[in-house]
Protein backbone atom coordinates (compact mmCIF):
# COMPACT_ATOMS: atom_id res chain seq x y z
CA MET A 1 67.29 -47.93 34.32
CA GLU A 2 64.53 -45.59 35.58
CA VAL A 3 63.51 -41.82 34.33
CA VAL A 4 62.15 -39.46 36.94
CA CYS A 5 60.32 -37.56 34.68
CA GLY A 6 58.72 -34.48 37.02
CA GLY A 7 58.16 -36.26 39.99
CA ARG A 8 57.03 -39.56 38.01
CA PHE A 9 58.85 -43.26 37.23
CA LEU A 10 58.76 -44.07 33.99
CA SER A 11 60.43 -47.18 32.27
CA PRO A 12 62.15 -46.66 29.26
CA SER A 13 60.19 -48.29 27.20
CA PHE A 14 56.88 -46.33 27.64
CA SER A 15 58.89 -42.58 27.62
CA GLY A 16 58.14 -42.24 24.54
CA ALA A 17 54.45 -42.88 23.29
CA TRP A 18 54.41 -40.58 27.03
CA ARG A 19 56.43 -37.58 24.80
CA GLU A 20 53.83 -37.81 21.91
CA SER A 21 51.20 -37.62 23.96
CA THR A 22 51.79 -34.58 25.33
CA SER A 23 52.87 -33.23 22.44
CA GLY A 24 49.55 -33.99 21.16
CA ASP A 25 47.52 -33.09 23.62
CA ASN A 26 49.39 -29.38 24.23
CA THR A 27 48.39 -28.88 20.79
CA ARG A 28 44.73 -30.21 21.31
CA SER A 29 44.80 -27.96 23.56
CA ILE A 30 46.23 -24.72 22.13
CA ILE A 31 43.66 -25.43 19.31
CA ASP A 32 40.80 -25.26 21.14
CA GLN A 33 42.57 -22.32 22.65
CA SER A 34 42.03 -20.34 19.23
CA GLN A 35 39.07 -22.15 18.51
CA MET A 36 37.47 -20.47 21.69
CA GLY A 37 39.09 -17.46 21.51
CA GLU A 38 37.32 -17.45 17.84
CA GLN A 39 34.25 -17.57 18.59
CA GLU A 40 34.55 -14.98 21.51
CA GLN A 41 35.46 -12.19 19.29
CA VAL A 42 32.39 -13.59 16.48
CA SER A 43 29.46 -13.83 19.47
CA ALA A 44 31.09 -10.18 20.83
CA VAL A 45 31.19 -8.68 16.98
CA MET A 46 26.67 -9.50 16.22
CA GLU A 47 26.72 -7.72 20.06
CA ASP A 48 27.33 -4.78 18.56
CA GLU A 49 25.73 -5.32 15.70
CA LYS A 50 22.54 -5.78 17.38
CA VAL A 51 23.17 -2.74 19.82
CA ILE A 52 24.09 -1.06 16.26
CA LYS A 53 20.73 -2.43 15.21
CA GLU A 54 18.94 -1.84 18.54
CA GLU A 55 20.14 1.96 17.99
CA ASP A 56 18.94 1.89 14.74
CA LEU A 57 15.36 1.17 15.60
CA GLU A 58 15.32 4.00 18.90
CA VAL A 59 17.05 7.02 15.90
CA LYS A 60 14.75 6.21 13.18
CA ASP A 61 10.48 7.41 13.70
CA PRO A 62 8.05 5.81 10.74
CA GLU A 63 7.28 8.46 8.23
CA PRO A 64 3.65 8.83 8.42
CA VAL A 65 1.85 8.21 5.54
CA LEU A 66 -0.14 11.07 4.26
CA ASP A 67 -3.67 10.83 1.29
CA ILE A 68 -3.47 14.16 -1.11
CA ILE A 69 -6.35 13.98 -2.84
CA ILE A 70 -6.63 15.21 -6.71
CA ASN A 71 -9.39 16.60 -6.82
CA ASN A 72 -9.46 18.91 -10.07
CA VAL A 73 -7.55 18.58 -12.72
CA VAL A 74 -7.67 21.63 -15.59
CA SER A 75 -7.27 20.87 -19.01
CA SER A 76 -6.86 22.59 -22.22
CA PHE A 77 -6.72 22.07 -25.67
CA SER A 78 -8.03 22.98 -29.45
CA VAL A 79 -9.93 21.01 -32.72
CA ALA A 80 -8.54 23.37 -35.12
CA CYS A 81 -11.46 24.93 -37.09
CA HIS A 82 -13.57 27.98 -36.18
CA LEU A 83 -16.64 26.44 -33.94
CA ASP A 84 -20.80 28.04 -34.32
CA LEU A 85 -21.76 27.97 -30.77
CA HIS A 86 -24.96 28.87 -31.38
CA HIS A 87 -25.17 25.50 -33.95
CA LEU A 88 -23.59 23.09 -30.98
CA ALA A 89 -26.15 24.63 -28.82
CA LEU A 90 -29.29 23.41 -31.09
CA HIS A 91 -28.28 20.16 -31.90
CA GLY A 92 -25.50 19.07 -28.86
CA ASN A 93 -26.60 17.37 -25.84
CA ASN A 94 -25.97 18.45 -21.85
CA VAL A 95 -25.11 22.32 -23.87
CA GLU A 96 -25.89 25.35 -22.21
CA LEU A 97 -24.68 28.75 -24.67
CA ARG A 98 -23.39 32.00 -22.39
CA LYS A 99 -24.08 34.71 -25.04
CA GLU A 100 -22.50 37.50 -22.39
CA ASN A 101 -19.71 36.08 -22.23
CA GLY A 102 -18.99 34.02 -26.06
CA VAL A 103 -18.23 30.35 -24.05
CA LEU A 104 -20.22 27.62 -24.71
CA THR A 105 -20.45 24.76 -22.06
CA MET A 106 -21.44 21.12 -22.55
CA LYS A 107 -21.20 18.26 -19.42
CA LEU A 108 -20.49 14.98 -19.48
CA ARG A 109 -21.29 12.21 -17.18
CA LYS A 110 -18.14 9.63 -17.10
CA PRO A 111 -15.88 11.73 -16.72
CA PRO A 112 -17.14 13.64 -14.40
CA THR A 113 -16.55 16.99 -16.71
CA THR A 114 -17.07 20.42 -17.65
CA ALA A 115 -16.08 21.89 -20.50
CA SER A 116 -15.66 25.24 -21.88
CA ILE A 117 -16.06 26.08 -25.25
CA TRP A 118 -15.15 29.26 -26.69
CA SER A 119 -15.71 30.40 -30.93
CA SER A 120 -11.96 29.93 -32.19
CA GLY A 121 -12.17 26.26 -31.61
CA LYS A 122 -10.44 27.18 -28.42
CA ILE A 123 -11.39 24.27 -25.21
CA THR A 124 -10.95 23.77 -21.62
CA CYS A 125 -12.08 20.76 -18.98
CA THR A 126 -12.72 20.89 -15.64
CA GLY A 127 -13.95 17.93 -12.28
CA SER A 128 -11.56 15.55 -13.89
CA THR A 129 -9.25 13.83 -11.18
CA SER A 130 -6.57 12.02 -12.97
CA GLU A 131 -4.21 13.17 -16.33
CA CYS A 132 -5.37 10.25 -18.40
CA GLN A 133 -9.19 11.60 -17.06
CA ALA A 134 -9.05 15.11 -18.72
CA ARG A 135 -7.29 13.35 -21.82
CA LEU A 136 -9.81 11.00 -21.76
CA ALA A 137 -12.51 14.07 -21.04
CA GLY A 138 -10.96 16.15 -24.08
CA ARG A 139 -11.16 13.30 -26.44
CA ARG A 140 -14.67 13.02 -25.74
CA ILE A 141 -15.66 16.61 -26.07
CA ALA A 142 -14.32 16.37 -29.79
CA ARG A 143 -15.61 13.94 -30.33
CA CYS A 144 -19.08 15.16 -29.58
CA VAL A 145 -18.21 18.39 -31.58
CA GLN A 146 -17.06 16.39 -34.25
CA LYS A 147 -20.18 14.46 -35.00
CA MET A 148 -22.27 17.56 -35.21
CA GLY A 149 -19.97 18.48 -38.91
CA TYR A 150 -16.86 19.74 -37.84
CA ASN A 151 -13.33 19.03 -39.11
CA VAL A 152 -11.75 18.60 -35.53
CA LYS A 153 -8.28 17.57 -34.76
CA PHE A 154 -6.78 17.02 -31.35
CA ARG A 155 -4.25 19.22 -30.85
CA ASN A 156 -2.45 21.34 -28.52
CA PHE A 157 -3.28 18.98 -25.39
CA ARG A 158 -1.92 19.92 -22.22
CA ILE A 159 -2.56 20.07 -18.00
CA VAL A 160 -2.97 23.51 -17.43
CA ASN A 161 -3.68 23.55 -13.10
CA VAL A 162 -3.80 20.88 -10.99
CA LEU A 163 -5.96 21.20 -7.90
CA GLY A 164 -5.18 19.17 -4.62
CA THR A 165 -5.84 18.83 -0.99
CA CYS A 166 -4.02 16.87 2.16
CA SER A 167 -5.16 16.64 5.86
CA LEU A 168 -2.00 16.65 8.40
CA PRO A 169 -2.52 14.00 12.09
CA PHE A 170 -2.15 17.51 13.77
CA ALA A 171 -2.51 20.38 13.65
CA ILE A 172 -0.24 24.30 12.58
CA LYS A 173 0.60 27.51 14.51
CA ILE A 174 -0.02 29.80 10.77
CA THR A 175 0.99 32.69 12.83
CA PRO A 176 4.81 32.09 13.77
CA PHE A 177 4.67 29.64 10.22
CA SER A 178 4.45 32.88 8.59
CA GLN A 179 6.38 35.36 10.72
CA LYS A 180 9.27 32.49 10.19
CA HIS A 181 8.90 31.85 6.61
CA ARG A 182 7.83 35.34 5.46
CA ASP A 183 10.25 35.45 2.88
CA ALA A 184 7.46 32.75 0.81
CA ALA A 185 4.87 32.80 3.52
CA SER A 186 2.26 36.11 3.47
CA TYR A 187 -0.36 36.09 6.09
CA GLU A 188 -3.62 38.05 6.00
CA PRO A 189 -6.21 36.70 8.74
CA GLU A 190 -8.00 39.88 7.70
CA LEU A 191 -8.60 37.95 4.28
CA HIS A 192 -8.51 35.03 4.25
CA PRO A 193 -7.76 32.20 6.94
CA GLY A 194 -4.88 30.47 5.44
CA VAL A 195 -0.74 31.56 4.97
CA THR A 196 -0.39 30.94 1.74
CA TYR A 197 3.08 29.66 0.68
CA ARG A 198 5.15 29.66 -2.64
CA ILE A 199 7.36 27.55 -4.02
CA GLU A 200 9.22 28.57 -6.56
CA HIS A 201 10.90 24.75 -7.90
CA PRO A 202 8.17 22.92 -7.91
CA LYS A 203 6.59 25.63 -8.60
CA ALA A 204 3.20 25.68 -6.57
CA THR A 205 1.36 27.29 -4.58
CA LEU A 206 0.22 26.15 -1.12
CA LYS A 207 -3.07 27.66 1.22
CA ILE A 208 -1.89 26.13 4.59
CA PHE A 209 -4.89 25.93 7.57
CA SER A 210 -4.61 25.88 11.42
CA THR A 211 -6.71 22.64 10.98
CA GLY A 212 -3.64 21.09 9.29
CA SER A 213 -4.94 21.04 6.28
CA ILE A 214 -3.05 21.92 3.19
CA THR A 215 -4.68 22.92 -0.34
CA VAL A 216 -2.44 23.34 -3.35
CA THR A 217 -2.02 24.54 -6.77
CA ALA A 218 0.92 23.61 -9.00
CA PRO A 219 0.91 22.14 -13.00
CA SER A 220 0.77 19.39 -12.09
CA ILE A 221 -0.07 16.01 -10.49
CA ALA A 222 3.82 14.98 -9.78
CA ASN A 223 4.57 18.94 -8.82
CA VAL A 224 1.62 18.60 -6.03
CA GLN A 225 2.94 15.62 -4.52
CA ASN A 226 7.13 17.06 -4.22
CA ALA A 227 5.22 20.61 -2.63
CA ILE A 228 3.73 18.12 -0.24
CA GLU A 229 6.93 16.69 0.36
CA HIS A 230 8.87 19.84 0.79
CA ILE A 231 6.49 21.37 2.90
CA TYR A 232 5.49 18.92 5.87
CA PRO A 233 9.41 19.74 7.39
CA LEU A 234 8.86 22.88 8.06
CA VAL A 235 4.87 22.64 9.29
CA ARG A 236 6.16 19.56 11.48
CA GLU A 237 7.96 21.72 13.71
CA PHE A 238 5.18 24.23 14.54
CA GLY A 239 2.84 21.37 14.99
CA LYS A 240 0.06 20.95 18.16
CA ALA A 241 -2.09 19.27 19.35
CA ARG A 242 -5.47 18.95 17.84
CA SER A 243 -8.97 20.48 19.22
CA GLU A 244 -11.65 18.49 20.16
CA GLU A 245 -13.83 19.93 16.98
CA GLU A 246 -11.05 19.91 14.55
CA MET A 247 -10.13 16.60 16.05
CA ALA A 248 -14.29 15.39 14.94
CA GLU A 249 -14.04 17.23 11.72
CA TYR A 250 -11.20 14.85 10.91
CA ARG A 251 -12.26 11.30 11.19
CA ARG A 252 -15.34 12.83 10.12
CA ASN A 253 -13.09 13.46 6.49
CA GLN A 254 -11.65 10.52 6.56
CA ALA A 255 -14.71 8.66 7.49
CA ARG A 256 -16.17 10.41 4.22
CA LYS A 257 -12.96 9.03 2.79
CA GLN A 258 -13.44 5.47 3.95
CA PHE A 259 -17.17 4.63 3.01
CA PRO A 260 -17.70 7.80 0.64
CA ILE A 261 -21.57 6.10 0.34
CA LEU A 262 -22.78 6.95 3.21
CA ASN A 263 -23.69 10.64 4.76
CA PHE A 264 -22.15 11.19 8.27
CA GLU A 265 -24.62 14.20 8.95
CA ASP A 266 -27.44 11.83 9.21
CA VAL A 267 -25.61 8.60 11.61
CA GLU A 268 -24.59 11.92 13.91
CA GLU A 269 -27.75 12.80 14.58
CA ASP A 270 -28.37 8.88 15.33
CA LEU A 271 -25.68 7.51 16.80
CA SER A 272 -23.20 9.16 20.28
CA SER A 273 -20.40 10.16 19.81
CA SER A 274 -18.96 6.61 21.47
CA GLU A 275 -20.48 5.14 18.51
CA ILE A 276 -19.66 7.02 16.14
CA GLU A 277 -15.87 7.11 17.33
CA GLU A 278 -16.76 3.02 16.91
CA TYR A 279 -18.02 4.16 13.54
CA TRP A 280 -14.95 6.16 12.38
CA GLU A 281 -12.85 3.53 13.30
CA PRO A 282 -10.62 1.48 10.10
CA MET A 283 -12.34 -1.87 9.69
């Protein structure tokens, strides 16, 4: 007896084996299709993530790096005793007595500091470039006074004022900037070439110039940094390209920061403009 299946003639002995093989092939084909579907889904998800990452890279601009230079830190403290300025002027080193002002000036070489000393025992130090350096200079001034026979105690030390500067990589249209921010900015070109911008929180006063230079006066170094971070997006809106003179001045300042020992005014006389450009490029 013969069995007909799909136009094929099979003997009864091979019919069961054929059914098992066909069922196995169907199962494998179903598994292969499911695996292919999963692979397609994974590849689609990876492509979507790649597109999203590319869009993020296109949208996000690199954050600018601004160098904030601390030029001066003013500190004050008390030695908790009365001082004879005339005695200090006779026995001290690097001192100068100003009788008309009633103050004695004492200078240190390291760290470079100028101290103003009053007979009441109050001392003010200027010239430091960091808070730690200001404290060190104050303690050295107090030690110098103690060596001249006074019962000195280092008390009430505090940072009074910090002066910092920052050069932006673009020039600023200060007239429209002052007009838009009239509540906090004041601009009097007849009296001062820069815009005075006052910030309440953090407390700071900024002088903004058309060349892109900003001078910050604040009670601490942290306030100086926060003030620059606050003002940057505001002035970026009014940025403009620098002129050739402003760009040359900007490069000159950058070169002084990188090579403070060299005298670039003498170098300019000896080198051409193209050589100066190469000389100013960072190493």
